[in-house]
Amino acid sequence: MGLEPTDYAKAILQVCRLCTESQLPCVSGVTGANVKKRLRAILTGNIAPELTFGKKMLLTAIGLLTLVAPVSIGVLHTPQVQAQSPRAAAPPESARPPAARIAGPQSGRQAAQPVAAPPEFEVASVKAISDPHGWINPRIIDPQRFVGTDILPRLMEWAYGVRDFQILQAPQWARQQLFEIHATAERPSNESQIRQMLQALLADRFKLRLHRQTKEIPVYALMAGRNGPRLTAAKDASINQGAGDIEVGPAQLYARGTTMGMFVRILTENEERPVIDKTNLTGHYDFNLSWEQTSYGPGFTPIGAAIFGPIQDLGLKLAPQKDKVQMLVLDSVERPSEN
């Protein structure tokens, strides 16, 4: 068929002749339409103006949708197909990413970090001595050296920062035998580090094993009085490396450059129950106390309740209470072998 309008018109007329001669009903597009009007429009080239701009846009959109829709549906629903290829060689160990840590029973929690080993002395000497007067208060000589000659509970007091009443189940020999310790650290260390070193030394040489336990026990609480403390600041706060010094004699007590920590330690040794510092005082002080003591037995006589009144002269008081205190319970301990 040609492309000229006359060819198109002749073709339509030919179809009409065939349909009118046939006995079959035909669609209105052939027999019922206005053939003359259609032929006139074809021959004059007036078909296009019958389509408005909106119809043209709609027709264009329908055409594009007809082309694009099948392609889009095919892309979205294409199954994932993997080609059958030879397995790739595994990368070397150095190129593999690190394996994830499995938490195990503690799943969901941060994995526990390994605990660092406590510091230890580089050189240490521990030996039993028989001289009952060879006692040396445990102390730091310089940032690398520690010395002390005392019974095991006293050495534990310094190492763990506790007091004698907090150490339970110590055998009798440990409270009678003096042990002399000279120890040197590898490098200059602070007090906290040297205390940890002494703990490690006691665990090693005495085979010391213990656990902590909290108990509620009767105590005396050293507290500020109703009108507040009346204490004199120390003239020398460096006595005994800042811990101060207290001398207890018959019916009297002399304190120079002492702290409340040292004071309650002395009171604990001389009362029937432990004394706990609740003064909130952090300074160093000088003071003297005296009291009446009716009897002087042989040896040392504990202060007892006689000091309650004199303490009030310092603006302090001893109040009986019950308090929860952490104890160190010895599970096992042995005499140290000779160095």
C-alpha atoms as a PDB file:
ATOM      1  CA  MET A   1       0.000   0.000   0.000  1.00  0.00           C
ATOM      2  CA  GLY A   2       1.259   3.515  -0.937  1.00  0.00           C
ATOM      3  CA  LEU A   3       1.702   6.409   1.419  1.00  0.00           C
ATOM      4  CA  GLU A   4      -0.390   8.917  -0.557  1.00  0.00           C
ATOM      5  CA  PRO A   5      -3.864   9.919   0.798  1.00  0.00           C
ATOM      6  CA  THR A   6      -5.516   8.818  -2.461  1.00  0.00           C
ATOM      7  CA  ASP A   7      -4.136   5.318  -2.048  1.00  0.00           C
ATOM      8  CA  TYR A   8      -5.510   5.159   1.540  1.00  0.00           C
ATOM      9  CA  ALA A   9      -8.953   6.376   0.315  1.00  0.00           C
ATOM     10  CA  LYS A  10      -9.098   3.796  -2.505  1.00  0.00           C
ATOM     11  CA  ALA A  11      -8.310   1.027  -0.015  1.00  0.00           C
ATOM     12  CA  ILE A  12     -11.201   2.076   2.234  1.00  0.00           C
ATOM     13  CA  LEU A  13     -13.631   2.091  -0.719  1.00  0.00           C
ATOM     14  CA  GLN A  14     -12.496  -1.381  -1.744  1.00  0.00           C
ATOM     15  CA  VAL A  15     -13.154  -2.709   1.781  1.00  0.00           C
ATOM     16  CA  CYS A  16     -16.621  -1.130   1.783  1.00  0.00           C
ATOM     17  CA  ARG A  17     -17.535  -2.813  -1.531  1.00  0.00           C
ATOM     18  CA  LEU A  18     -16.515  -6.209  -0.174  1.00  0.00           C
ATOM     19  CA  CYS A  19     -18.477  -5.746   3.053  1.00  0.00           C
ATOM     20  CA  THR A  20     -21.692  -4.598   1.349  1.00  0.00           C
ATOM     21  CA  GLU A  21     -21.581  -7.580  -0.972  1.00  0.00           C
ATOM     22  CA  SER A  22     -21.103  -9.983   2.003  1.00  0.00           C
ATOM     23  CA  GLN A  23     -24.135 -11.434   3.850  1.00  0.00           C
ATOM     24  CA  LEU A  24     -22.353 -11.152   7.240  1.00  0.00           C
ATOM     25  CA  PRO A  25     -23.019  -8.205   9.591  1.00  0.00           C
ATOM     26  CA  CYS A  26     -20.072  -5.816   9.736  1.00  0.00           C
ATOM     27  CA  VAL A  27     -18.873  -3.373  12.377  1.00  0.00           C
ATOM     28  CA  SER A  28     -20.008   0.194  12.296  1.00  0.00           C
ATOM     29  CA  GLY A  29     -16.500   1.286  11.465  1.00  0.00           C
ATOM     30  CA  VAL A  30     -17.139  -0.107   7.969  1.00  0.00           C
ATOM     31  CA  THR A  31     -20.865   0.190   7.258  1.00  0.00           C
ATOM     32  CA  GLY A  32     -22.289   2.593   9.809  1.00  0.00           C
ATOM     33  CA  ALA A  33     -19.682   5.337   9.802  1.00  0.00           C
ATOM     34  CA  ASN A  34     -19.743   8.485   7.679  1.00  0.00           C
ATOM     35  CA  VAL A  35     -17.468   7.234   4.907  1.00  0.00           C
ATOM     36  CA  LYS A  36     -17.738  10.399   2.855  1.00  0.00           C
ATOM     37  CA  LYS A  37     -16.575  12.530   5.761  1.00  0.00           C
ATOM     38  CA  ARG A  38     -13.622  10.268   6.437  1.00  0.00           C
ATOM     39  CA  LEU A  39     -12.541  10.196   2.806  1.00  0.00           C
ATOM     40  CA  ARG A  40     -12.791  14.010   2.577  1.00  0.00           C
ATOM     41  CA  ALA A  41     -10.646  14.362   5.705  1.00  0.00           C
ATOM     42  CA  ILE A  42      -8.046  11.973   4.367  1.00  0.00           C
ATOM     43  CA  LEU A  43      -7.816  13.673   0.979  1.00  0.00           C
ATOM     44  CA  THR A  44      -7.608  17.196   2.486  1.00  0.00           C
ATOM     45  CA  GLY A  45      -5.068  16.213   5.257  1.00  0.00           C
ATOM     46  CA  ASN A  46      -7.367  17.309   8.141  1.00  0.00           C
ATOM     47  CA  ILE A  47      -7.077  14.209  10.376  1.00  0.00           C
ATOM     48  CA  ALA A  48      -4.486  15.503  12.834  1.00  0.00           C
ATOM     49  CA  PRO A  49      -6.427  18.615  13.972  1.00  0.00           C
ATOM     50  CA  GLU A  50      -9.112  16.334  15.424  1.00  0.00           C
ATOM     51  CA  LEU A  51      -6.642  15.418  18.237  1.00  0.00           C
ATOM     52  CA  THR A  52      -6.327  18.050  20.954  1.00  0.00           C
ATOM     53  CA  PHE A  53      -3.062  18.695  22.825  1.00  0.00           C
ATOM     54  CA  GLY A  54      -4.282  16.780  25.834  1.00  0.00           C
ATOM     55  CA  LYS A  55      -5.192  13.755  23.746  1.00  0.00           C
ATOM     56  CA  LYS A  56      -1.790  13.830  22.086  1.00  0.00           C
ATOM     57  CA  MET A  57      -0.035  13.865  25.521  1.00  0.00           C
ATOM     58  CA  LEU A  58      -2.236  11.031  26.757  1.00  0.00           C
ATOM     59  CA  LEU A  59      -1.512   9.016  23.637  1.00  0.00           C
ATOM     60  CA  THR A  60       2.229   9.626  24.035  1.00  0.00           C
ATOM     61  CA  ALA A  61       2.126   8.566  27.723  1.00  0.00           C
ATOM     62  CA  ILE A  62       0.235   5.384  26.896  1.00  0.00           C
ATOM     63  CA  GLY A  63       2.805   4.541  24.240  1.00  0.00           C
ATOM     64  CA  LEU A  64       5.740   5.090  26.595  1.00  0.00           C
ATOM     65  CA  LEU A  65       4.072   3.084  29.359  1.00  0.00           C
ATOM     66  CA  THR A  66       3.497   0.238  26.941  1.00  0.00           C
ATOM     67  CA  LEU A  67       7.249   0.133  26.210  1.00  0.00           C
ATOM     68  CA  VAL A  68       8.627   0.780  29.686  1.00  0.00           C
ATOM     69  CA  ALA A  69       6.296  -1.331  31.852  1.00  0.00           C
ATOM     70  CA  PRO A  70       7.407  -4.790  30.608  1.00  0.00           C
ATOM     71  CA  VAL A  71      11.074  -3.855  30.935  1.00  0.00           C
ATOM     72  CA  SER A  72      10.605  -2.551  34.484  1.00  0.00           C
ATOM     73  CA  ILE A  73       8.654  -5.603  35.606  1.00  0.00           C
ATOM     74  CA  GLY A  74      11.342  -7.861  34.172  1.00  0.00           C
ATOM     75  CA  VAL A  75      14.125  -6.042  36.030  1.00  0.00           C
ATOM     76  CA  LEU A  76      12.303  -6.113  39.390  1.00  0.00           C
ATOM     77  CA  HIS A  77      11.393  -9.784  39.227  1.00  0.00           C
ATOM     78  CA  THR A  78      14.512 -11.240  37.640  1.00  0.00           C
ATOM     79  CA  PRO A  79      15.645 -14.165  39.864  1.00  0.00           C
ATOM     80  CA  GLN A  80      19.121 -14.051  41.469  1.00  0.00           C
ATOM     81  CA  VAL A  81      21.151 -16.506  39.428  1.00  0.00           C
ATOM     82  CA  GLN A  82      24.768 -17.252  40.250  1.00  0.00           C
ATOM     83  CA  ALA A  83      26.981 -18.729  37.646  1.00  0.00           C
ATOM     84  CA  GLN A  84      28.617 -22.031  38.481  1.00  0.00           C
ATOM     85  CA  SER A  85      32.266 -21.070  38.634  1.00  0.00           C
ATOM     86  CA  PRO A  86      35.296 -22.699  40.273  1.00  0.00           C
ATOM     87  CA  ARG A  87      35.678 -21.863  43.994  1.00  0.00           C
ATOM     88  CA  ALA A  88      38.056 -18.948  44.511  1.00  0.00           C
ATOM     89  CA  ALA A  89      41.184 -19.641  46.476  1.00  0.00           C
ATOM     90  CA  ALA A  90      40.960 -18.637  50.156  1.00  0.00           C
ATOM     91  CA  PRO A  91      42.883 -15.453  51.014  1.00  0.00           C
ATOM     92  CA  PRO A  92      45.993 -15.790  53.162  1.00  0.00           C
ATOM     93  CA  GLU A  93      45.592 -15.547  56.945  1.00  0.00           C
ATOM     94  CA  SER A  94      47.098 -12.043  57.011  1.00  0.00           C
ATOM     95  CA  ALA A  95      44.450 -10.777  54.579  1.00  0.00           C
ATOM     96  CA  ARG A  96      41.447 -12.259  56.395  1.00  0.00           C
ATOM     97  CA  PRO A  97      39.364 -10.006  58.691  1.00  0.00           C
ATOM     98  CA  PRO A  98      39.663 -10.785  62.429  1.00  0.00           C
ATOM     99  CA  ALA A  99      37.166 -13.321  63.734  1.00  0.00           C
ATOM    100  CA  ALA A 100      34.397 -12.022  65.991  1.00  0.00           C
ATOM    101  CA  ARG A 101      34.739 -12.808  69.693  1.00  0.00           C
ATOM    102  CA  ILE A 102      32.039 -15.155  71.004  1.00  0.00           C
ATOM    103  CA  ALA A 103      30.716 -13.990  74.356  1.00  0.00           C
ATOM    104  CA  GLY A 104      29.580 -17.437  75.520  1.00  0.00           C
ATOM    105  CA  PRO A 105      27.397 -17.522  78.658  1.00  0.00           C
ATOM    106  CA  GLN A 106      27.820 -13.761  79.134  1.00  0.00           C
ATOM    107  CA  SER A 107      26.405 -13.012  75.667  1.00  0.00           C
ATOM    108  CA  GLY A 108      25.255  -9.421  75.356  1.00  0.00           C
ATOM    109  CA  ARG A 109      27.741  -8.144  77.921  1.00  0.00           C
ATOM    110  CA  GLN A 110      31.118  -6.600  77.326  1.00  0.00           C
ATOM    111  CA  ALA A 111      33.828  -9.236  77.473  1.00  0.00           C
ATOM    112  CA  ALA A 112      35.830  -9.097  80.711  1.00  0.00           C
ATOM    113  CA  GLN A 113      39.307  -7.677  80.319  1.00  0.00           C
ATOM    114  CA  PRO A 114      42.237  -9.632  81.783  1.00  0.00           C
ATOM    115  CA  VAL A 115      43.235  -8.381  85.227  1.00  0.00           C
ATOM    116  CA  ALA A 116      46.774  -7.016  85.386  1.00  0.00           C
ATOM    117  CA  ALA A 117      49.109  -8.797  87.780  1.00  0.00           C
ATOM    118  CA  PRO A 118      49.793  -6.815  90.989  1.00  0.00           C
ATOM    119  CA  PRO A 119      53.188  -5.112  91.201  1.00  0.00           C
ATOM    120  CA  GLU A 120      55.913  -6.950  93.098  1.00  0.00           C
ATOM    121  CA  PHE A 121      59.151  -6.027  94.853  1.00  0.00           C
ATOM    122  CA  GLU A 122      62.280  -6.697  92.879  1.00  0.00           C
ATOM    123  CA  VAL A 123      64.179  -7.874  95.979  1.00  0.00           C
ATOM    124  CA  ALA A 124      62.689  -8.787  99.378  1.00  0.00           C
ATOM    125  CA  SER A 125      63.919 -10.364 102.607  1.00  0.00           C
ATOM    126  CA  VAL A 126      61.533 -11.895 105.179  1.00  0.00           C
ATOM    127  CA  LYS A 127      62.790 -13.540 108.362  1.00  0.00           C
ATOM    128  CA  ALA A 128      61.586 -14.260 111.881  1.00  0.00           C
ATOM    129  CA  ILE A 129      63.439 -12.534 114.709  1.00  0.00           C
ATOM    130  CA  SER A 130      63.562 -13.395 118.395  1.00  0.00           C
ATOM    131  CA  ASP A 131      64.287  -9.926 119.817  1.00  0.00           C
ATOM    132  CA  PRO A 132      61.020  -8.717 121.395  1.00  0.00           C
ATOM    133  CA  HIS A 133      62.333  -5.152 121.281  1.00  0.00           C
ATOM    134  CA  GLY A 134      63.188  -5.218 117.576  1.00  0.00           C
ATOM    135  CA  TRP A 135      59.813  -3.827 116.584  1.00  0.00           C
ATOM    136  CA  ILE A 136      59.920  -1.293 113.698  1.00  0.00           C
ATOM    137  CA  ASN A 137      56.763   0.403 112.542  1.00  0.00           C
ATOM    138  CA  PRO A 138      56.042  -0.664 108.897  1.00  0.00           C
ATOM    139  CA  ARG A 139      56.892   2.282 106.688  1.00  0.00           C
ATOM    140  CA  ILE A 140      58.314   3.498 103.403  1.00  0.00           C
ATOM    141  CA  ILE A 141      61.932   4.654 103.644  1.00  0.00           C
ATOM    142  CA  ASP A 142      62.008   6.156 100.145  1.00  0.00           C
ATOM    143  CA  PRO A 143      59.996   5.688  96.915  1.00  0.00           C
ATOM    144  CA  GLN A 144      61.717   2.330  96.336  1.00  0.00           C
ATOM    145  CA  ARG A 145      62.259   0.857  99.815  1.00  0.00           C
ATOM    146  CA  PHE A 146      59.961  -0.575 102.485  1.00  0.00           C
ATOM    147  CA  VAL A 147      60.928  -1.794 105.974  1.00  0.00           C
ATOM    148  CA  GLY A 148      58.970  -3.200 108.884  1.00  0.00           C
ATOM    149  CA  THR A 149      59.444  -5.516 111.838  1.00  0.00           C
ATOM    150  CA  ASP A 150      56.151  -6.610 113.352  1.00  0.00           C
ATOM    151  CA  ILE A 151      53.685  -9.436 113.787  1.00  0.00           C
ATOM    152  CA  LEU A 152      51.872 -10.643 110.691  1.00  0.00           C
ATOM    153  CA  PRO A 153      48.496  -8.947 111.458  1.00  0.00           C
ATOM    154  CA  ARG A 154      50.283  -5.599 111.842  1.00  0.00           C
ATOM    155  CA  LEU A 155      51.992  -6.057 108.499  1.00  0.00           C
ATOM    156  CA  MET A 156      48.616  -6.920 106.997  1.00  0.00           C
ATOM    157  CA  GLU A 157      47.126  -3.776 108.536  1.00  0.00           C
ATOM    158  CA  TRP A 158      49.618  -1.640 106.634  1.00  0.00           C
ATOM    159  CA  ALA A 159      49.352  -3.639 103.418  1.00  0.00           C
ATOM    160  CA  TYR A 160      45.549  -3.634 103.264  1.00  0.00           C
ATOM    161  CA  GLY A 161      44.789  -0.367 105.075  1.00  0.00           C
ATOM    162  CA  VAL A 162      42.754  -2.074 107.813  1.00  0.00           C
ATOM    163  CA  ARG A 163      42.973  -2.350 111.597  1.00  0.00           C
ATOM    164  CA  ASP A 164      43.654  -5.292 113.861  1.00  0.00           C
ATOM    165  CA  PHE A 165      40.010  -5.959 114.737  1.00  0.00           C
ATOM    166  CA  GLN A 166      39.266  -6.402 111.005  1.00  0.00           C
ATOM    167  CA  ILE A 167      41.612  -9.395 110.713  1.00  0.00           C
ATOM    168  CA  LEU A 168      39.891 -12.649 111.656  1.00  0.00           C
ATOM    169  CA  GLN A 169      41.120 -16.208 112.177  1.00  0.00           C
ATOM    170  CA  ALA A 170      44.813 -15.374 112.436  1.00  0.00           C
ATOM    171  CA  PRO A 171      46.659 -18.251 114.190  1.00  0.00           C
ATOM    172  CA  GLN A 172      48.281 -17.629 117.565  1.00  0.00           C
ATOM    173  CA  TRP A 173      51.850 -17.804 116.249  1.00  0.00           C
ATOM    174  CA  ALA A 174      51.049 -15.023 113.731  1.00  0.00           C
ATOM    175  CA  ARG A 175      50.120 -12.708 116.618  1.00  0.00           C
ATOM    176  CA  GLN A 176      53.246 -13.509 118.643  1.00  0.00           C
ATOM    177  CA  GLN A 177      56.156 -13.870 116.235  1.00  0.00           C
ATOM    178  CA  LEU A 178      57.933 -10.779 114.914  1.00  0.00           C
ATOM    179  CA  PHE A 179      58.941 -10.787 111.240  1.00  0.00           C
ATOM    180  CA  GLU A 180      61.518  -8.461 109.736  1.00  0.00           C
ATOM    181  CA  ILE A 181      60.931  -7.321 106.170  1.00  0.00           C
ATOM    182  CA  HIS A 182      63.282  -5.359 103.919  1.00  0.00           C
ATOM    183  CA  ALA A 183      62.033  -4.894 100.367  1.00  0.00           C
ATOM    184  CA  THR A 184      63.099  -2.867  97.345  1.00  0.00           C
ATOM    185  CA  ALA A 185      61.023  -1.998  94.293  1.00  0.00           C
ATOM    186  CA  GLU A 186      62.416  -2.070  90.776  1.00  0.00           C
ATOM    187  CA  ARG A 187      61.590   1.616  90.251  1.00  0.00           C
ATOM    188  CA  PRO A 188      60.251   4.547  92.322  1.00  0.00           C
ATOM    189  CA  SER A 189      56.637   3.816  93.323  1.00  0.00           C
ATOM    190  CA  ASN A 190      53.847   5.553  95.197  1.00  0.00           C
ATOM    191  CA  GLU A 191      52.353   4.382  98.498  1.00  0.00           C
ATOM    192  CA  SER A 192      49.411   2.574  96.871  1.00  0.00           C
ATOM    193  CA  GLN A 193      51.759   0.565  94.642  1.00  0.00           C
ATOM    194  CA  ILE A 194      54.033  -0.373  97.558  1.00  0.00           C
ATOM    195  CA  ARG A 195      51.018  -1.527  99.575  1.00  0.00           C
ATOM    196  CA  GLN A 196      50.066  -3.803  96.669  1.00  0.00           C
ATOM    197  CA  MET A 197      53.654  -5.081  96.520  1.00  0.00           C
ATOM    198  CA  LEU A 198      53.514  -5.956 100.225  1.00  0.00           C
ATOM    199  CA  GLN A 199      50.231  -7.808  99.693  1.00  0.00           C
ATOM    200  CA  ALA A 200      51.873  -9.868  96.941  1.00  0.00           C
ATOM    201  CA  LEU A 201      54.913 -10.520  99.154  1.00  0.00           C
ATOM    202  CA  LEU A 202      52.781 -11.760 102.067  1.00  0.00           C
ATOM    203  CA  ALA A 203      50.794 -14.004  99.730  1.00  0.00           C
ATOM    204  CA  ASP A 204      54.023 -15.463  98.335  1.00  0.00           C
ATOM    205  CA  ARG A 205      56.141 -15.930 101.453  1.00  0.00           C
ATOM    206  CA  PHE A 206      53.378 -16.718 103.990  1.00  0.00           C
ATOM    207  CA  LYS A 207      51.137 -18.548 101.492  1.00  0.00           C
ATOM    208  CA  LEU A 208      48.466 -16.162 102.705  1.00  0.00           C
ATOM    209  CA  ARG A 209      44.951 -16.750 101.365  1.00  0.00           C
ATOM    210  CA  LEU A 210      41.989 -14.714 102.558  1.00  0.00           C
ATOM    211  CA  HIS A 211      38.549 -13.414 101.626  1.00  0.00           C
ATOM    212  CA  ARG A 212      36.593 -10.293 102.516  1.00  0.00           C
ATOM    213  CA  GLN A 213      33.441 -10.327 104.608  1.00  0.00           C
ATOM    214  CA  THR A 214      31.184  -7.508 105.813  1.00  0.00           C
ATOM    215  CA  LYS A 215      29.905  -7.734 109.406  1.00  0.00           C
ATOM    216  CA  GLU A 216      27.819  -5.444 111.578  1.00  0.00           C
ATOM    217  CA  ILE A 217      29.598  -5.033 114.911  1.00  0.00           C
ATOM    218  CA  PRO A 218      29.433  -2.729 117.964  1.00  0.00           C
ATOM    219  CA  VAL A 219      31.779   0.249 117.603  1.00  0.00           C
ATOM    220  CA  TYR A 220      32.515   3.640 119.070  1.00  0.00           C
ATOM    221  CA  ALA A 221      32.125   6.484 116.582  1.00  0.00           C
ATOM    222  CA  LEU A 222      34.514   9.394 117.121  1.00  0.00           C
ATOM    223  CA  MET A 223      32.405  12.418 116.162  1.00  0.00           C
ATOM    224  CA  ALA A 224      32.375  16.193 116.489  1.00  0.00           C
ATOM    225  CA  GLY A 225      30.660  17.457 119.647  1.00  0.00           C
ATOM    226  CA  ARG A 226      27.660  19.755 119.813  1.00  0.00           C
ATOM    227  CA  ASN A 227      29.762  22.931 119.489  1.00  0.00           C
ATOM    228  CA  GLY A 228      32.277  21.548 117.013  1.00  0.00           C
ATOM    229  CA  PRO A 229      35.935  20.465 117.357  1.00  0.00           C
ATOM    230  CA  ARG A 230      38.396  22.518 119.416  1.00  0.00           C
ATOM    231  CA  LEU A 231      41.728  21.298 118.103  1.00  0.00           C
ATOM    232  CA  THR A 232      45.056  23.059 117.603  1.00  0.00           C
ATOM    233  CA  ALA A 233      46.781  22.739 114.226  1.00  0.00           C
ATOM    234  CA  ALA A 234      50.090  20.855 114.429  1.00  0.00           C
ATOM    235  CA  LYS A 235      53.340  22.807 114.513  1.00  0.00           C
ATOM    236  CA  ASP A 236      54.977  20.038 112.449  1.00  0.00           C
ATOM    237  CA  ALA A 237      52.741  18.032 110.113  1.00  0.00           C
ATOM    238  CA  SER A 238      55.594  15.870 108.781  1.00  0.00           C
ATOM    239  CA  ILE A 239      56.142  13.762 111.917  1.00  0.00           C
ATOM    240  CA  ASN A 240      56.246  10.036 111.106  1.00  0.00           C
ATOM    241  CA  GLN A 241      55.842  10.811 107.398  1.00  0.00           C
ATOM    242  CA  GLY A 242      52.631  12.732 108.036  1.00  0.00           C
ATOM    243  CA  ALA A 243      50.935  10.070 110.169  1.00  0.00           C
ATOM    244  CA  GLY A 244      51.875  11.830 113.424  1.00  0.00           C
ATOM    245  CA  ASP A 245      52.950  10.387 116.750  1.00  0.00           C
ATOM    246  CA  ILE A 246      50.973   9.499 119.883  1.00  0.00           C
ATOM    247  CA  GLU A 247      52.474   8.435 123.217  1.00  0.00           C
ATOM    248  CA  VAL A 248      50.234   6.819 125.817  1.00  0.00           C
ATOM    249  CA  GLY A 249      51.417   6.790 129.416  1.00  0.00           C
ATOM    250  CA  PRO A 250      49.749   6.221 132.762  1.00  0.00           C
ATOM    251  CA  ALA A 251      46.592   8.380 132.737  1.00  0.00           C
ATOM    252  CA  GLN A 252      47.840  10.618 129.908  1.00  0.00           C
ATOM    253  CA  LEU A 253      48.175  10.847 126.141  1.00  0.00           C
ATOM    254  CA  TYR A 254      50.456  13.092 124.069  1.00  0.00           C
ATOM    255  CA  ALA A 255      49.705  13.673 120.380  1.00  0.00           C
ATOM    256  CA  ARG A 256      52.030  15.549 118.031  1.00  0.00           C
ATOM    257  CA  GLY A 257      51.269  16.153 114.359  1.00  0.00           C
ATOM    258  CA  THR A 258      48.713  13.385 114.518  1.00  0.00           C
ATOM    259  CA  THR A 259      45.741  12.664 112.285  1.00  0.00           C
ATOM    260  CA  MET A 260      42.320  11.411 113.309  1.00  0.00           C
ATOM    261  CA  GLY A 261      43.227   8.133 111.613  1.00  0.00           C
ATOM    262  CA  MET A 262      46.144   7.635 113.992  1.00  0.00           C
ATOM    263  CA  PHE A 263      44.043   8.751 116.967  1.00  0.00           C
ATOM    264  CA  VAL A 264      41.254   6.207 116.400  1.00  0.00           C
ATOM    265  CA  ARG A 265      43.873   3.496 115.875  1.00  0.00           C
ATOM    266  CA  ILE A 266      45.316   4.173 119.336  1.00  0.00           C
ATOM    267  CA  LEU A 267      41.836   4.391 120.852  1.00  0.00           C
ATOM    268  CA  THR A 268      40.890   1.044 119.285  1.00  0.00           C
ATOM    269  CA  GLU A 269      43.889  -0.582 120.956  1.00  0.00           C
ATOM    270  CA  ASN A 270      42.755   0.764 124.327  1.00  0.00           C
ATOM    271  CA  GLU A 271      38.968   0.281 124.221  1.00  0.00           C
ATOM    272  CA  GLU A 272      36.741  -2.777 124.398  1.00  0.00           C
ATOM    273  CA  ARG A 273      35.336  -2.132 120.907  1.00  0.00           C
ATOM    274  CA  PRO A 274      36.691  -0.649 117.648  1.00  0.00           C
ATOM    275  CA  VAL A 275      36.674   3.128 117.189  1.00  0.00           C
ATOM    276  CA  ILE A 276      35.580   4.501 113.804  1.00  0.00           C
ATOM    277  CA  ASP A 277      36.564   7.996 112.630  1.00  0.00           C
ATOM    278  CA  LYS A 278      33.452  10.003 111.712  1.00  0.00           C
ATOM    279  CA  THR A 279      34.858  13.470 112.396  1.00  0.00           C
ATOM    280  CA  ASN A 280      35.522  14.372 108.732  1.00  0.00           C
ATOM    281  CA  LEU A 281      38.714  16.089 109.957  1.00  0.00           C
ATOM    282  CA  THR A 282      41.650  15.756 107.560  1.00  0.00           C
ATOM    283  CA  GLY A 283      44.306  17.940 109.228  1.00  0.00           C
ATOM    284  CA  HIS A 284      47.230  17.312 111.610  1.00  0.00           C
ATOM    285  CA  TYR A 285      46.861  18.291 115.276  1.00  0.00           C
ATOM    286  CA  ASP A 286      48.734  18.669 118.587  1.00  0.00           C
ATOM    287  CA  PHE A 287      46.900  17.887 121.848  1.00  0.00           C
ATOM    288  CA  ASN A 288      47.344  16.391 125.317  1.00  0.00           C
ATOM    289  CA  LEU A 289      44.813  14.395 127.302  1.00  0.00           C
ATOM    290  CA  SER A 290      44.893  13.321 130.938  1.00  0.00           C
ATOM    291  CA  TRP A 291      42.421  11.425 133.133  1.00  0.00           C
ATOM    292  CA  GLU A 292      42.127   9.764 136.489  1.00  0.00           C
ATOM    293  CA  GLN A 293      43.011   6.135 136.728  1.00  0.00           C
ATOM    294  CA  THR A 294      42.333   4.466 140.036  1.00  0.00           C
ATOM    295  CA  SER A 295      44.439   1.339 139.646  1.00  0.00           C
ATOM    296  CA  TYR A 296      47.674   0.522 137.910  1.00  0.00           C
ATOM    297  CA  GLY A 297      48.152  -3.169 137.391  1.00  0.00           C
ATOM    298  CA  PRO A 298      51.337  -4.764 136.162  1.00  0.00           C
ATOM    299  CA  GLY A 299      52.086  -4.034 132.523  1.00  0.00           C
ATOM    300  CA  PHE A 300      49.998  -1.890 130.234  1.00  0.00           C
ATOM    301  CA  THR A 301      46.532  -0.816 131.411  1.00  0.00           C
ATOM    302  CA  PRO A 302      43.946   0.014 128.713  1.00  0.00           C
ATOM    303  CA  ILE A 303      42.464   3.490 128.821  1.00  0.00           C
ATOM    304  CA  GLY A 304      38.872   2.331 128.857  1.00  0.00           C
ATOM    305  CA  ALA A 305      35.995   4.682 129.591  1.00  0.00           C
ATOM    306  CA  ALA A 306      38.248   7.082 131.533  1.00  0.00           C
ATOM    307  CA  ILE A 307      39.103   8.951 128.315  1.00  0.00           C
ATOM    308  CA  PHE A 308      35.486   9.740 127.375  1.00  0.00           C
ATOM    309  CA  GLY A 309      35.456  12.961 129.431  1.00  0.00           C
ATOM    310  CA  PRO A 310      38.857  14.322 128.289  1.00  0.00           C
ATOM    311  CA  ILE A 311      37.921  13.728 124.641  1.00  0.00           C
ATOM    312  CA  GLN A 312      35.018  16.132 125.100  1.00  0.00           C
ATOM    313  CA  ASP A 313      37.583  18.851 125.953  1.00  0.00           C
ATOM    314  CA  LEU A 314      38.698  18.554 122.306  1.00  0.00           C
ATOM    315  CA  GLY A 315      35.150  19.198 121.105  1.00  0.00           C
ATOM    316  CA  LEU A 316      34.797  15.527 120.206  1.00  0.00           C
ATOM    317  CA  LYS A 317      32.836  12.592 121.591  1.00  0.00           C
ATOM    318  CA  LEU A 318      32.739   8.804 121.481  1.00  0.00           C
ATOM    319  CA  ALA A 319      29.242   7.540 120.613  1.00  0.00           C
ATOM    320  CA  PRO A 320      28.393   3.819 120.896  1.00  0.00           C
ATOM    321  CA  GLN A 321      26.914   2.551 117.622  1.00  0.00           C
ATOM    322  CA  LYS A 322      26.643  -0.477 115.384  1.00  0.00           C
ATOM    323  CA  ASP A 323      28.342  -0.227 112.021  1.00  0.00           C
ATOM    324  CA  LYS A 324      29.024  -2.466 109.019  1.00  0.00           C
ATOM    325  CA  VAL A 325      32.752  -3.101 108.743  1.00  0.00           C
ATOM    326  CA  GLN A 326      34.665  -5.073 106.107  1.00  0.00           C
ATOM    327  CA  MET A 327      36.736  -7.898 107.583  1.00  0.00           C
ATOM    328  CA  LEU A 328      39.672  -9.886 106.226  1.00  0.00           C
ATOM    329  CA  VAL A 329      39.126 -13.577 106.986  1.00  0.00           C
ATOM    330  CA  LEU A 330      42.256 -15.725 106.780  1.00  0.00           C
ATOM    331  CA  ASP A 331      41.573 -18.989 104.962  1.00  0.00           C
ATOM    332  CA  SER A 332      45.139 -20.302 105.197  1.00  0.00           C
ATOM    333  CA  VAL A 333      48.595 -19.061 106.203  1.00  0.00           C
ATOM    334  CA  GLU A 334      51.999 -20.686 106.785  1.00  0.00           C
ATOM    335  CA  ARG A 335      55.205 -19.711 108.511  1.00  0.00           C
ATOM    336  CA  PRO A 336      57.604 -18.290 105.944  1.00  0.00           C
ATOM    337  CA  SER A 337      60.658 -20.311 104.996  1.00  0.00           C
ATOM    338  CA  GLU A 338      64.062 -18.835 105.741  1.00  0.00           C
ATOM    339  CA  ASN A 339      65.548 -16.707 102.930  1.00  0.00           C
END
